[in-house]
PDB file of N, CA and C in Angstrom:
ATOM      1  N   MET A   1     110.080  94.731 116.034  1.00  0.00           N
ATOM      2  CA  MET A   1     109.625  96.112 115.822  1.00  0.00           C
ATOM      3  C   MET A   1     108.217  95.976 114.972  1.00  0.00           C
ATOM      4  N   SER A   2     107.140  96.672 115.561  1.00  0.00           N
ATOM      5  CA  SER A   2     106.004  96.743 114.979  1.00  0.00           C
ATOM      6  C   SER A   2     105.951  97.141 113.559  1.00  0.00           C
ATOM      7  N   ASP A   3     104.875  96.663 112.891  1.00  0.00           N
ATOM      8  CA  ASP A   3     104.651  97.092 111.363  1.00  0.00           C
ATOM      9  C   ASP A   3     103.742  98.179 111.309  1.00  0.00           C
ATOM     10  N   SER A   4     103.031  98.703 112.514  1.00  0.00           N
ATOM     11  CA  SER A   4     102.158  99.633 112.342  1.00  0.00           C
ATOM     12  C   SER A   4     102.874 101.010 112.355  1.00  0.00           C
ATOM     13  N   VAL A   5     101.977 102.137 112.060  1.00  0.00           N
ATOM     14  CA  VAL A   5     102.703 103.588 112.249  1.00  0.00           C
ATOM     15  C   VAL A   5     101.913 104.118 113.496  1.00  0.00           C
ATOM     16  N   ILE A   6     102.707 104.810 114.231  1.00  0.00           N
ATOM     17  CA  ILE A   6     101.994 105.325 115.341  1.00  0.00           C
ATOM     18  C   ILE A   6     101.826 107.042 115.063  1.00  0.00           C
ATOM     19  N   VAL A   7     100.813 107.558 115.529  1.00  0.00           N
ATOM     20  CA  VAL A   7     100.610 108.969 115.348  1.00  0.00           C
ATOM     21  C   VAL A   7     100.508 109.519 116.676  1.00  0.00           C
ATOM     22  N   THR A   8     101.467 110.295 117.186  1.00  0.00           N
ATOM     23  CA  THR A   8     101.574 110.956 118.521  1.00  0.00           C
ATOM     24  C   THR A   8     100.144 111.676 118.877  1.00  0.00           C
ATOM     25  N   ASP A   9     100.152 112.003 120.182  1.00  0.00           N
ATOM     26  CA  ASP A   9      99.059 112.922 120.562  1.00  0.00           C
ATOM     27  C   ASP A   9      99.208 114.407 120.067  1.00  0.00           C
ATOM     28  N   ARG A  10     100.504 114.850 119.901  1.00  0.00           N
ATOM     29  CA  ARG A  10     100.551 116.051 119.441  1.00  0.00           C
ATOM     30  C   ARG A  10     100.313 116.293 117.987  1.00  0.00           C
ATOM     31  N   ALA A  11     100.711 115.061 117.111  1.00  0.00           N
ATOM     32  CA  ALA A  11     100.519 115.081 115.748  1.00  0.00           C
ATOM     33  C   ALA A  11      98.977 114.933 115.591  1.00  0.00           C
ATOM     34  N   ALA A  12      98.248 114.000 116.176  1.00  0.00           N
ATOM     35  CA  ALA A  12      96.887 113.987 116.050  1.00  0.00           C
ATOM     36  C   ALA A  12      96.088 115.227 116.412  1.00  0.00           C
ATOM     37  N   LYS A  13      96.468 115.790 117.499  1.00  0.00           N
ATOM     38  CA  LYS A  13      95.761 117.268 117.907  1.00  0.00           C
ATOM     39  C   LYS A  13      96.039 118.217 116.778  1.00  0.00           C
ATOM     40  N   ARG A  14      97.152 118.346 116.326  1.00  0.00           N
ATOM     41  CA  ARG A  14      97.470 119.359 115.018  1.00  0.00           C
ATOM     42  C   ARG A  14      96.734 118.973 113.770  1.00  0.00           C
ATOM     43  N   ILE A  15      96.844 117.731 113.547  1.00  0.00           N
ATOM     44  CA  ILE A  15      95.939 117.152 112.226  1.00  0.00           C
ATOM     45  C   ILE A  15      94.589 117.484 112.390  1.00  0.00           C
ATOM     46  N   ALA A  16      93.945 117.029 113.445  1.00  0.00           N
ATOM     47  CA  ALA A  16      92.503 117.534 113.792  1.00  0.00           C
ATOM     48  C   ALA A  16      92.194 118.884 113.480  1.00  0.00           C
ATOM     49  N   GLU A  17      93.102 119.718 114.156  1.00  0.00           N
ATOM     50  CA  GLU A  17      92.852 121.346 113.929  1.00  0.00           C
ATOM     51  C   GLU A  17      92.912 121.625 112.453  1.00  0.00           C
ATOM     52  N   ILE A  18      93.903 120.981 111.677  1.00  0.00           N
ATOM     53  CA  ILE A  18      94.003 121.489 110.234  1.00  0.00           C
ATOM     54  C   ILE A  18      92.712 120.835 109.486  1.00  0.00           C
ATOM     55  N   LEU A  19      92.420 119.661 109.835  1.00  0.00           N
ATOM     56  CA  LEU A  19      91.144 119.140 109.043  1.00  0.00           C
ATOM     57  C   LEU A  19      89.894 120.039 109.528  1.00  0.00           C
ATOM     58  N   ALA A  20      89.785 120.568 110.624  1.00  0.00           N
ATOM     59  CA  ALA A  20      88.577 121.150 111.026  1.00  0.00           C
ATOM     60  C   ALA A  20      88.720 122.501 110.350  1.00  0.00           C
ATOM     61  N   ASP A  21      89.701 123.115 109.844  1.00  0.00           N
ATOM     62  CA  ASP A  21      89.678 124.432 109.046  1.00  0.00           C
ATOM     63  C   ASP A  21      89.516 124.202 107.562  1.00  0.00           C
ATOM     64  N   GLU A  22      89.616 122.993 106.928  1.00  0.00           N
ATOM     65  CA  GLU A  22      89.322 122.619 105.605  1.00  0.00           C
ATOM     66  C   GLU A  22      88.172 121.806 105.450  1.00  0.00           C
ATOM     67  N   ALA A  23      87.153 122.618 104.902  1.00  0.00           N
ATOM     68  CA  ALA A  23      85.840 121.797 104.629  1.00  0.00           C
ATOM     69  C   ALA A  23      85.948 120.599 103.671  1.00  0.00           C
ATOM     70  N   ALA A  24      86.825 120.819 102.589  1.00  0.00           N
ATOM     71  CA  ALA A  24      86.896 119.601 101.435  1.00  0.00           C
ATOM     72  C   ALA A  24      87.846 118.422 102.070  1.00  0.00           C
ATOM     73  N   ALA A  25      88.491 118.677 103.069  1.00  0.00           N
ATOM     74  CA  ALA A  25      89.601 117.694 103.483  1.00  0.00           C
ATOM     75  C   ALA A  25      89.221 116.765 104.723  1.00  0.00           C
ATOM     76  N   LYS A  26      89.067 115.567 104.457  1.00  0.00           N
ATOM     77  CA  LYS A  26      88.622 114.738 105.529  1.00  0.00           C
ATOM     78  C   LYS A  26      89.909 113.796 106.028  1.00  0.00           C
ATOM     79  N   ALA A  27      90.891 113.845 105.367  1.00  0.00           N
ATOM     80  CA  ALA A  27      91.719 113.047 105.931  1.00  0.00           C
ATOM     81  C   ALA A  27      93.266 113.655 105.490  1.00  0.00           C
ATOM     82  N   PHE A  28      94.394 113.432 106.029  1.00  0.00           N
ATOM     83  CA  PHE A  28      95.706 113.700 106.164  1.00  0.00           C
ATOM     84  C   PHE A  28      96.427 112.609 105.672  1.00  0.00           C
ATOM     85  N   ARG A  29      97.020 112.830 104.355  1.00  0.00           N
ATOM     86  CA  ARG A  29      97.671 111.514 103.555  1.00  0.00           C
ATOM     87  C   ARG A  29      99.112 111.907 103.831  1.00  0.00           C
ATOM     88  N   ILE A  30      99.828 110.878 104.255  1.00  0.00           N
ATOM     89  CA  ILE A  30     101.269 110.734 104.479  1.00  0.00           C
ATOM     90  C   ILE A  30     101.839 109.802 103.377  1.00  0.00           C
ATOM     91  N   SER A  31     102.688 110.190 102.425  1.00  0.00           N
ATOM     92  CA  SER A  31     103.251 109.371 101.429  1.00  0.00           C
ATOM     93  C   SER A  31     104.850 109.450 101.351  1.00  0.00           C
ATOM     94  N   VAL A  32     105.523 108.599 100.638  1.00  0.00           N
ATOM     95  CA  VAL A  32     106.729 108.593 100.419  1.00  0.00           C
ATOM     96  C   VAL A  32     106.926 108.625  98.665  1.00  0.00           C
ATOM     97  N   GLU A  33     107.771 109.584  98.373  1.00  0.00           N
ATOM     98  CA  GLU A  33     108.094 109.799  96.996  1.00  0.00           C
ATOM     99  C   GLU A  33     109.492 109.687  96.706  1.00  0.00           C
ATOM    100  N   GLY A  34     110.096 109.450  95.555  1.00  0.00           N
ATOM    101  CA  GLY A  34     111.303 109.517  95.247  1.00  0.00           C
ATOM    102  C   GLY A  34     111.814 110.954  94.997  1.00  0.00           C
ATOM    103  N   GLY A  35     112.981 111.325  95.361  1.00  0.00           N
ATOM    104  CA  GLY A  35     113.455 112.775  95.327  1.00  0.00           C
ATOM    105  C   GLY A  35     114.102 113.185  96.648  1.00  0.00           C
ATOM    106  N   GLY A  36     114.299 114.321  96.713  1.00  0.00           N
ATOM    107  CA  GLY A  36     114.879 115.092  97.947  1.00  0.00           C
ATOM    108  C   GLY A  36     116.367 114.910  97.989  1.00  0.00           C
ATOM    109  N   CYS A  37     116.987 115.304  98.923  1.00  0.00           N
ATOM    110  CA  CYS A  37     118.393 115.324  99.337  1.00  0.00           C
ATOM    111  C   CYS A  37     118.905 113.913  99.477  1.00  0.00           C
ATOM    112  N   SER A  38     118.149 113.089  99.975  1.00  0.00           N
ATOM    113  CA  SER A  38     118.707 111.776 100.393  1.00  0.00           C
ATOM    114  C   SER A  38     118.033 110.636  99.611  1.00  0.00           C
ATOM    115  N   GLY A  39     117.148 110.970  98.674  1.00  0.00           N
ATOM    116  CA  GLY A  39     116.684 109.740  97.973  1.00  0.00           C
ATOM    117  C   GLY A  39     115.190 109.673  97.961  1.00  0.00           C
ATOM    118  N   PHE A  40     114.708 109.771  99.114  1.00  0.00           N
ATOM    119  CA  PHE A  40     113.190 109.688  99.187  1.00  0.00           C
ATOM    120  C   PHE A  40     112.720 110.923 100.204  1.00  0.00           C
ATOM    121  N   GLN A  41     111.453 111.316  99.969  1.00  0.00           N
ATOM    122  CA  GLN A  41     110.833 112.403 100.773  1.00  0.00           C
ATOM    123  C   GLN A  41     109.520 112.014 101.260  1.00  0.00           C
ATOM    124  N   TYR A  42     109.181 112.533 102.424  1.00  0.00           N
ATOM    125  CA  TYR A  42     107.864 112.633 103.080  1.00  0.00           C
ATOM    126  C   TYR A  42     107.066 113.608 102.374  1.00  0.00           C
ATOM    127  N   LYS A  43     105.723 113.386 101.953  1.00  0.00           N
ATOM    128  CA  LYS A  43     104.893 114.279 101.485  1.00  0.00           C
ATOM    129  C   LYS A  43     103.616 114.274 102.382  1.00  0.00           C
ATOM    130  N   PHE A  44     102.988 115.378 102.629  1.00  0.00           N
ATOM    131  CA  PHE A  44     101.829 115.570 103.333  1.00  0.00           C
ATOM    132  C   PHE A  44     100.852 116.307 102.681  1.00  0.00           C
ATOM    133  N   ASP A  45      99.598 115.605 102.417  1.00  0.00           N
ATOM    134  CA  ASP A  45      98.546 116.189 101.886  1.00  0.00           C
ATOM    135  C   ASP A  45      97.339 116.187 102.487  1.00  0.00           C
ATOM    136  N   LEU A  46      96.369 117.204 102.262  1.00  0.00           N
ATOM    137  CA  LEU A  46      94.881 117.111 102.712  1.00  0.00           C
ATOM    138  C   LEU A  46      94.174 116.530 101.534  1.00  0.00           C
ATOM    139  N   VAL A  47      93.490 115.390 101.809  1.00  0.00           N
ATOM    140  CA  VAL A  47      92.674 114.786 100.848  1.00  0.00           C
ATOM    141  C   VAL A  47      91.238 114.541 101.404  1.00  0.00           C
ATOM    142  N   PRO A  48      90.080 114.336 100.370  1.00  0.00           N
ATOM    143  CA  PRO A  48      88.867 114.125 100.674  1.00  0.00           C
ATOM    144  C   PRO A  48      88.539 112.930 101.508  1.00  0.00           C
ATOM    145  N   GLY A  49      89.487 111.730 101.284  1.00  0.00           N
ATOM    146  CA  GLY A  49      89.157 110.523 101.910  1.00  0.00           C
ATOM    147  C   GLY A  49      90.194 109.578 101.593  1.00  0.00           C
ATOM    148  N   ALA A  50      89.930 108.329 102.010  1.00  0.00           N
ATOM    149  CA  ALA A  50      91.042 107.353 101.866  1.00  0.00           C
ATOM    150  C   ALA A  50      90.530 106.424 100.626  1.00  0.00           C
ATOM    151  N   ALA A  51      91.681 105.883 100.071  1.00  0.00           N
ATOM    152  CA  ALA A  51      91.387 105.021  98.936  1.00  0.00           C
ATOM    153  C   ALA A  51      91.096 103.560  99.521  1.00  0.00           C
ATOM    154  N   ASP A  52      90.603 102.687  98.522  1.00  0.00           N
ATOM    155  CA  ASP A  52      90.284 101.312  99.331  1.00  0.00           C
ATOM    156  C   ASP A  52      91.334 100.625  99.930  1.00  0.00           C
ATOM    157  N   ASP A  53      92.597 100.710  99.454  1.00  0.00           N
ATOM    158  CA  ASP A  53      93.689  99.938  99.911  1.00  0.00           C
ATOM    159  C   ASP A  53      94.630 100.758 100.819  1.00  0.00           C
ATOM    160  N   ASP A  54      94.175 101.867 101.357  1.00  0.00           N
ATOM    161  CA  ASP A  54      95.067 102.675 102.387  1.00  0.00           C
ATOM    162  C   ASP A  54      94.783 102.059 103.723  1.00  0.00           C
ATOM    163  N   LEU A  55      96.033 102.216 104.388  1.00  0.00           N
ATOM    164  CA  LEU A  55      95.876 101.939 105.826  1.00  0.00           C
ATOM    165  C   LEU A  55      95.231 103.398 106.414  1.00  0.00           C
ATOM    166  N   VAL A  56      94.318 103.361 107.236  1.00  0.00           N
ATOM    167  CA  VAL A  56      93.663 104.334 107.759  1.00  0.00           C
ATOM    168  C   VAL A  56      93.839 104.303 109.447  1.00  0.00           C
ATOM    169  N   LEU A  57      94.452 105.398 109.835  1.00  0.00           N
ATOM    170  CA  LEU A  57      94.708 105.506 111.299  1.00  0.00           C
ATOM    171  C   LEU A  57      93.727 106.834 111.724  1.00  0.00           C
ATOM    172  N   GLU A  58      92.852 106.513 112.850  1.00  0.00           N
ATOM    173  CA  GLU A  58      92.289 107.481 113.481  1.00  0.00           C
ATOM    174  C   GLU A  58      92.553 107.670 115.026  1.00  0.00           C
ATOM    175  N   ARG A  59      92.740 108.914 115.369  1.00  0.00           N
ATOM    176  CA  ARG A  59      93.176 109.186 116.618  1.00  0.00           C
ATOM    177  C   ARG A  59      92.688 110.751 116.952  1.00  0.00           C
ATOM    178  N   GLU A  60      91.805 110.816 118.254  1.00  0.00           N
ATOM    179  CA  GLU A  60      91.585 112.142 118.781  1.00  0.00           C
ATOM    180  C   GLU A  60      90.885 112.924 117.567  1.00  0.00           C
ATOM    181  N   GLY A  61      90.237 112.511 116.677  1.00  0.00           N
ATOM    182  CA  GLY A  61      89.466 113.332 115.634  1.00  0.00           C
ATOM    183  C   GLY A  61      90.438 113.594 114.468  1.00  0.00           C
ATOM    184  N   ALA A  62      91.504 113.016 114.419  1.00  0.00           N
ATOM    185  CA  ALA A  62      92.444 112.983 113.198  1.00  0.00           C
ATOM    186  C   ALA A  62      92.264 111.631 112.508  1.00  0.00           C
ATOM    187  N   LYS A  63      92.401 111.856 111.011  1.00  0.00           N
ATOM    188  CA  LYS A  63      92.378 110.619 110.192  1.00  0.00           C
ATOM    189  C   LYS A  63      93.299 110.773 109.433  1.00  0.00           C
ATOM    190  N   VAL A  64      94.453 109.786 109.537  1.00  0.00           N
ATOM    191  CA  VAL A  64      95.572 109.797 108.848  1.00  0.00           C
ATOM    192  C   VAL A  64      95.438 108.555 107.814  1.00  0.00           C
ATOM    193  N   VAL A  65      95.864 108.747 106.456  1.00  0.00           N
ATOM    194  CA  VAL A  65      95.684 107.743 105.514  1.00  0.00           C
ATOM    195  C   VAL A  65      97.245 107.535 104.945  1.00  0.00           C
ATOM    196  N   ILE A  66      97.391 106.285 104.540  1.00  0.00           N
ATOM    197  CA  ILE A  66      98.684 105.989 104.109  1.00  0.00           C
ATOM    198  C   ILE A  66      98.571 104.796 102.990  1.00  0.00           C
ATOM    199  N   ASP A  67      99.036 105.028 101.688  1.00  0.00           N
ATOM    200  CA  ASP A  67      99.020 104.117 100.601  1.00  0.00           C
ATOM    201  C   ASP A  67      99.882 102.949 100.934  1.00  0.00           C
ATOM    202  N   GLN A  68      99.620 101.808 100.425  1.00  0.00           N
ATOM    203  CA  GLN A  68     100.294 100.660 100.450  1.00  0.00           C
ATOM    204  C   GLN A  68     101.934 100.688 100.162  1.00  0.00           C
ATOM    205  N   VAL A  69     102.215 101.226  99.070  1.00  0.00           N
ATOM    206  CA  VAL A  69     103.686 101.443  98.767  1.00  0.00           C
ATOM    207  C   VAL A  69     104.480 102.460  99.949  1.00  0.00           C
ATOM    208  N   SER A  70     103.887 103.457 100.180  1.00  0.00           N
ATOM    209  CA  SER A  70     104.519 104.263 101.229  1.00  0.00           C
ATOM    210  C   SER A  70     104.526 103.533 102.710  1.00  0.00           C
ATOM    211  N   LEU A  71     103.550 102.713 102.943  1.00  0.00           N
ATOM    212  CA  LEU A  71     103.502 101.925 104.158  1.00  0.00           C
ATOM    213  C   LEU A  71     104.764 101.097 104.177  1.00  0.00           C
ATOM    214  N   GLY A  72     105.193 100.445 103.129  1.00  0.00           N
ATOM    215  CA  GLY A  72     106.401  99.725 102.890  1.00  0.00           C
ATOM    216  C   GLY A  72     107.708 100.583 103.564  1.00  0.00           C
ATOM    217  N   PHE A  73     107.652 101.798 103.253  1.00  0.00           N
ATOM    218  CA  PHE A  73     108.778 102.638 103.878  1.00  0.00           C
ATOM    219  C   PHE A  73     108.516 103.210 105.135  1.00  0.00           C
ATOM    220  N   LEU A  74     107.286 103.220 105.629  1.00  0.00           N
ATOM    221  CA  LEU A  74     107.007 103.791 106.988  1.00  0.00           C
ATOM    222  C   LEU A  74     106.424 102.863 108.113  1.00  0.00           C
ATOM    223  N   SER A  75     106.519 101.581 107.880  1.00  0.00           N
ATOM    224  CA  SER A  75     106.143 100.704 108.956  1.00  0.00           C
ATOM    225  C   SER A  75     107.023 100.986 110.094  1.00  0.00           C
ATOM    226  N   GLY A  76     106.548 100.917 111.289  1.00  0.00           N
ATOM    227  CA  GLY A  76     107.273 101.001 112.380  1.00  0.00           C
ATOM    228  C   GLY A  76     107.488 102.613 112.813  1.00  0.00           C
ATOM    229  N   SER A  77     107.149 103.328 112.031  1.00  0.00           N
ATOM    230  CA  SER A  77     107.701 104.868 112.182  1.00  0.00           C
ATOM    231  C   SER A  77     106.471 105.532 112.993  1.00  0.00           C
ATOM    232  N   GLU A  78     107.036 106.657 113.658  1.00  0.00           N
ATOM    233  CA  GLU A  78     106.417 107.310 114.518  1.00  0.00           C
ATOM    234  C   GLU A  78     105.976 108.839 113.904  1.00  0.00           C
ATOM    235  N   ILE A  79     104.777 109.326 113.676  1.00  0.00           N
ATOM    236  CA  ILE A  79     104.451 110.507 112.960  1.00  0.00           C
ATOM    237  C   ILE A  79     104.358 111.549 114.249  1.00  0.00           C
ATOM    238  N   ASP A  80     105.219 112.646 114.459  1.00  0.00           N
ATOM    239  CA  ASP A  80     105.010 113.565 115.624  1.00  0.00           C
ATOM    240  C   ASP A  80     105.010 114.955 114.864  1.00  0.00           C
ATOM    241  N   PHE A  81     104.228 115.942 115.757  1.00  0.00           N
ATOM    242  CA  PHE A  81     104.533 117.346 115.405  1.00  0.00           C
ATOM    243  C   PHE A  81     105.106 118.003 116.367  1.00  0.00           C
ATOM    244  N   VAL A  82     106.076 118.692 115.971  1.00  0.00           N
ATOM    245  CA  VAL A  82     107.223 119.486 116.527  1.00  0.00           C
ATOM    246  C   VAL A  82     106.737 121.052 116.437  1.00  0.00           C
ATOM    247  N   ASP A  83     106.853 121.722 117.593  1.00  0.00           N
ATOM    248  CA  ASP A  83     106.669 123.242 117.573  1.00  0.00           C
ATOM    249  C   ASP A  83     107.815 123.802 118.497  1.00  0.00           C
ATOM    250  N   ASP A  84     108.848 124.193 117.897  1.00  0.00           N
ATOM    251  CA  ASP A  84     110.117 124.578 118.732  1.00  0.00           C
ATOM    252  C   ASP A  84     110.642 125.796 118.166  1.00  0.00           C
ATOM    253  N   LEU A  85     111.740 126.352 118.605  1.00  0.00           N
ATOM    254  CA  LEU A  85     112.502 127.447 118.062  1.00  0.00           C
ATOM    255  C   LEU A  85     112.785 127.520 116.635  1.00  0.00           C
ATOM    256  N   MET A  86     112.895 126.382 116.107  1.00  0.00           N
ATOM    257  CA  MET A  86     113.231 126.079 114.599  1.00  0.00           C
ATOM    258  C   MET A  86     111.874 126.070 113.751  1.00  0.00           C
ATOM    259  N   GLY A  87     110.882 126.046 114.317  1.00  0.00           N
ATOM    260  CA  GLY A  87     109.700 126.198 113.584  1.00  0.00           C
ATOM    261  C   GLY A  87     108.651 125.025 113.979  1.00  0.00           C
ATOM    262  N   ALA A  88     107.403 125.031 113.184  1.00  0.00           N
ATOM    263  CA  ALA A  88     106.404 124.021 113.502  1.00  0.00           C
ATOM    264  C   ALA A  88     106.463 122.878 112.464  1.00  0.00           C
ATOM    265  N   PHE A  89     106.634 121.825 112.614  1.00  0.00           N
ATOM    266  CA  PHE A  89     106.457 120.831 111.408  1.00  0.00           C
ATOM    267  C   PHE A  89     106.018 119.462 111.940  1.00  0.00           C
ATOM    268  N   PHE A  90     105.835 118.713 110.991  1.00  0.00           N
ATOM    269  CA  PHE A  90     105.539 117.230 111.198  1.00  0.00           C
ATOM    270  C   PHE A  90     106.990 116.604 111.084  1.00  0.00           C
ATOM    271  N   ARG A  91     107.188 115.559 111.824  1.00  0.00           N
ATOM    272  CA  ARG A  91     108.480 114.783 111.760  1.00  0.00           C
ATOM    273  C   ARG A  91     108.195 113.331 111.809  1.00  0.00           C
ATOM    274  N   VAL A  92     108.811 112.430 110.945  1.00  0.00           N
ATOM    275  CA  VAL A  92     108.652 111.277 110.874  1.00  0.00           C
ATOM    276  C   VAL A  92     109.916 110.658 111.519  1.00  0.00           C
ATOM    277  N   ASN A  93     109.788 109.826 112.571  1.00  0.00           N
ATOM    278  CA  ASN A  93     110.816 109.004 113.178  1.00  0.00           C
ATOM    279  C   ASN A  93     110.875 107.613 112.569  1.00  0.00           C
ATOM    280  N   ASN A  94     111.578 107.603 111.627  1.00  0.00           N
ATOM    281  CA  ASN A  94     111.472 106.156 110.644  1.00  0.00           C
ATOM    282  C   ASN A  94     112.725 105.383 111.121  1.00  0.00           C
ATOM    283  N   PRO A  95     112.383 104.182 111.711  1.00  0.00           N
ATOM    284  CA  PRO A  95     113.421 103.376 112.005  1.00  0.00           C
ATOM    285  C   PRO A  95     114.184 102.641 110.877  1.00  0.00           C
ATOM    286  N   HIS A  96     113.780 102.760 109.593  1.00  0.00           N
ATOM    287  CA  HIS A  96     114.220 102.301 108.257  1.00  0.00           C
ATOM    288  C   HIS A  96     115.178 103.410 107.731  1.00  0.00           C
ATOM    289  N   ALA A  97     115.127 104.376 108.356  1.00  0.00           N
ATOM    290  CA  ALA A  97     115.864 105.658 107.518  1.00  0.00           C
ATOM    291  C   ALA A  97     117.378 105.326 107.987  1.00  0.00           C
ATOM    292  N   THR A  98     118.457 105.095 106.936  1.00  0.00           N
ATOM    293  CA  THR A  98     119.927 105.042 107.352  1.00  0.00           C
ATOM    294  C   THR A  98     120.349 106.395 107.444  1.00  0.00           C
ATOM    295  N   ALA A  99     119.762 107.392 106.471  1.00  0.00           N
ATOM    296  CA  ALA A  99     120.261 108.848 106.728  1.00  0.00           C
ATOM    297  C   ALA A  99     119.349 109.792 106.407  1.00  0.00           C
ATOM    298  N   SER A 100     119.394 110.915 106.659  1.00  0.00           N
ATOM    299  CA  SER A 100     118.357 112.054 106.519  1.00  0.00           C
ATOM    300  C   SER A 100     119.049 113.382 106.262  1.00  0.00           C
ATOM    301  N   CYS A 101     118.381 114.118 105.552  1.00  0.00           N
ATOM    302  CA  CYS A 101     118.926 115.391 105.187  1.00  0.00           C
ATOM    303  C   CYS A 101     118.763 116.306 106.482  1.00  0.00           C
ATOM    304  N   GLY A 102     119.402 117.548 106.482  1.00  0.00           N
ATOM    305  CA  GLY A 102     119.268 118.655 107.510  1.00  0.00           C
ATOM    306  C   GLY A 102     117.857 119.043 107.771  1.00  0.00           C
ATOM    307  N   CYS A 103     117.234 119.110 106.620  1.00  0.00           N
ATOM    308  CA  CYS A 103     115.704 119.591 106.856  1.00  0.00           C
ATOM    309  C   CYS A 103     114.613 118.629 107.141  1.00  0.00           C
ATOM    310  N   GLY A 104     115.166 117.167 107.259  1.00  0.00           N
ATOM    311  CA  GLY A 104     114.270 116.388 107.978  1.00  0.00           C
ATOM    312  C   GLY A 104     113.131 115.774 107.160  1.00  0.00           C
ATOM    313  N   THR A 105     113.062 116.259 105.805  1.00  0.00           N
ATOM    314  CA  THR A 105     111.909 115.800 104.990  1.00  0.00           C
ATOM    315  C   THR A 105     112.420 114.681 103.940  1.00  0.00           C
ATOM    316  N   SER A 106     113.671 114.427 104.014  1.00  0.00           N
ATOM    317  CA  SER A 106     114.035 113.352 103.059  1.00  0.00           C
ATOM    318  C   SER A 106     114.965 112.494 103.776  1.00  0.00           C
ATOM    319  N   PHE A 107     115.082 111.377 103.163  1.00  0.00           N
ATOM    320  CA  PHE A 107     115.851 110.058 103.870  1.00  0.00           C
ATOM    321  C   PHE A 107     116.327 109.227 102.967  1.00  0.00           C
ATOM    322  N   SER A 108     116.998 108.342 103.287  1.00  0.00           N
ATOM    323  CA  SER A 108     117.609 107.044 102.514  1.00  0.00           C
ATOM    324  C   SER A 108     117.327 105.834 103.447  1.00  0.00           C
ATOM    325  N   ILE A 109     117.464 104.798 102.652  1.00  0.00           N
ATOM    326  CA  ILE A 109     117.222 103.481 103.418  1.00  0.00           C
ATOM    327  C   ILE A 109     118.366 102.576 102.867  1.00  0.00           C
TER     328      ILE A 109
END
């Protein structure tokens, strides 16, 4: 399994659209925090740029940054954007997650 994080075309397109509308934001940060229904939760933020030790992923005008601690939880994951009858949201397909909650934003390892 790859240690890299994959940003799908749909996610990259949506992130680029969001960043284009936010003058102060130059990057989309994905992080993992303690909490949520299942122990950990994904957090998405708009930030001015990357920190020195961030993983930086660039695709189709989208700049995604992930800190080193979160990368340990996210390695091998796919970041996707879903727009269906249930709503529009970013989904993390994480091979390390052993369980997740119904809302899809928290997980356990």
